Amino acid sequence: MLPNATAVLVLGICSIVFACFFVGFILGIIGIVLSSKPRKMSKANPELYDGAGQVNAGFICSIIGTCLGVVYVIYWIVVVAILGGTAFSLSHMNY
C-alpha cells in the first residue's frame, strides 16, 4: 500500500465538500502536496505498490476542490468589492 493513499483521498473528498468554505482550498493544497511522493513511487514501481487508484482519485479530487475554493474566494472578493463600492457611493451622496 502506498503511504498516505487514504489520507490523500480523504483530503481530496473533504476539499470538494468544504469548497464553499475557505477550508476546502487549504485541504486541496495539502492533498496535492501529500500526493506527490506516492505518485512518484507508484510511477517508478507500479507492480510493487497497491493503492495507486486511491492516490490518483485523491489527487484529482484535491485539484477540483482547490479550483472550487479559488472560485469561491474570487466570488467573495467581488461581492465585498461591489458592496464596498455601493456603501461608499451611498455615503457620499448629496441630497
Protein backbone atom coordinates (compact mmCIF):
# COMPACT_ATOMS: atom_id res chain seq x y z
CA MET A 1 0.00 0.00 0.00
CA LEU A 2 1.24 3.45 -0.87
CA PRO A 3 1.89 5.79 2.05
CA ASN A 4 -0.73 8.49 2.61
CA ALA A 5 -3.06 6.95 -0.01
CA THR A 6 -6.08 7.06 2.28
CA ALA A 7 -5.16 10.48 3.65
CA VAL A 8 -4.87 11.94 0.15
CA LEU A 9 -8.27 10.51 -0.80
CA VAL A 10 -9.92 11.83 2.36
CA LEU A 11 -8.36 15.27 1.90
CA GLY A 12 -9.48 15.37 -1.73
CA ILE A 13 -13.06 14.48 -0.89
CA CYS A 14 -13.15 16.93 2.02
CA SER A 15 -11.75 19.69 -0.17
CA ILE A 16 -14.71 19.28 -2.52
CA VAL A 17 -17.25 19.02 0.29
CA PHE A 18 -15.88 22.06 2.12
CA ALA A 19 -15.14 24.09 -1.02
CA CYS A 20 -17.89 26.56 -0.12
CA PHE A 21 -15.88 27.41 2.99
CA PHE A 22 -12.32 28.67 2.89
CA VAL A 23 -11.15 25.37 4.39
CA GLY A 24 -11.65 23.50 1.10
CA PHE A 25 -8.92 25.50 -0.61
CA ILE A 26 -6.42 24.65 2.14
CA LEU A 27 -7.38 20.97 2.25
CA GLY A 28 -6.98 20.73 -1.51
CA ILE A 29 -3.49 22.17 -1.41
CA ILE A 30 -2.50 19.80 1.40
CA GLY A 31 -3.90 16.86 -0.59
CA ILE A 32 -1.94 17.86 -3.70
CA VAL A 33 1.29 18.19 -1.71
CA LEU A 34 0.78 14.88 0.10
CA SER A 35 0.08 13.03 -3.15
CA SER A 36 3.35 13.96 -4.86
CA LYS A 37 5.56 11.34 -3.19
CA PRO A 38 3.16 8.38 -3.54
CA ARG A 39 2.51 9.26 -7.18
CA LYS A 40 6.25 9.24 -7.91
CA MET A 41 6.66 5.94 -6.06
CA SER A 42 3.78 4.40 -7.99
CA LYS A 43 5.14 5.54 -11.35
CA ALA A 44 8.61 4.20 -10.56
CA ASN A 45 7.45 0.70 -9.47
CA PRO A 46 3.76 0.17 -10.31
CA GLU A 47 3.82 -3.57 -9.56
CA LEU A 48 5.34 -3.04 -6.12
CA TYR A 49 2.63 -0.80 -4.64
CA ASP A 50 -1.09 -1.06 -4.09
CA GLY A 51 -3.45 1.90 -3.84
CA ALA A 52 -2.39 3.92 -6.87
CA GLY A 53 -6.06 4.41 -7.72
CA GLN A 54 -6.72 5.97 -4.33
CA VAL A 55 -3.83 8.36 -4.72
CA ASN A 56 -4.88 9.38 -8.24
CA ALA A 57 -8.51 9.83 -7.21
CA GLY A 58 -7.45 11.89 -4.19
CA PHE A 59 -5.13 13.99 -6.36
CA ILE A 60 -7.90 14.71 -8.86
CA CYS A 61 -10.39 15.49 -6.10
CA SER A 62 -7.83 17.80 -4.48
CA ILE A 63 -7.37 19.68 -7.75
CA ILE A 64 -11.13 20.03 -8.16
CA GLY A 65 -11.55 21.16 -4.55
CA THR A 66 -8.73 23.68 -4.89
CA CYS A 67 -10.25 25.11 -8.07
CA LEU A 68 -13.68 25.37 -6.46
CA GLY A 69 -12.09 27.03 -3.43
CA VAL A 70 -10.34 29.58 -5.64
CA VAL A 71 -13.62 30.35 -7.43
CA TYR A 72 -15.30 30.78 -4.06
CA VAL A 73 -12.60 33.17 -2.81
CA ILE A 74 -12.82 35.21 -6.04
CA TYR A 75 -16.60 35.31 -5.68
CA TRP A 76 -16.35 36.77 -2.18
CA ILE A 77 -13.74 39.31 -3.24
CA VAL A 78 -16.11 40.52 -5.97
CA VAL A 79 -19.08 40.61 -3.59
CA VAL A 80 -17.15 42.60 -0.98
CA ALA A 81 -15.87 45.00 -3.66
CA ILE A 82 -19.38 45.59 -5.00
CA LEU A 83 -20.87 46.08 -1.54
CA GLY A 84 -18.00 48.34 -0.52
CA GLY A 85 -18.37 50.45 -3.64
CA THR A 86 -22.10 50.72 -3.13
CA ALA A 87 -21.70 51.68 0.53
CA PHE A 88 -19.08 54.27 -0.39
CA SER A 89 -21.22 55.83 -3.10
CA LEU A 90 -24.28 55.93 -0.85
CA SER A 91 -22.34 57.56 1.95
CA HIS A 92 -21.14 60.34 -0.36
CA MET A 93 -24.49 61.19 -1.93
CA ASN A 94 -25.67 64.77 -1.63
CA TYR A 95 -29.39 65.03 -1.08
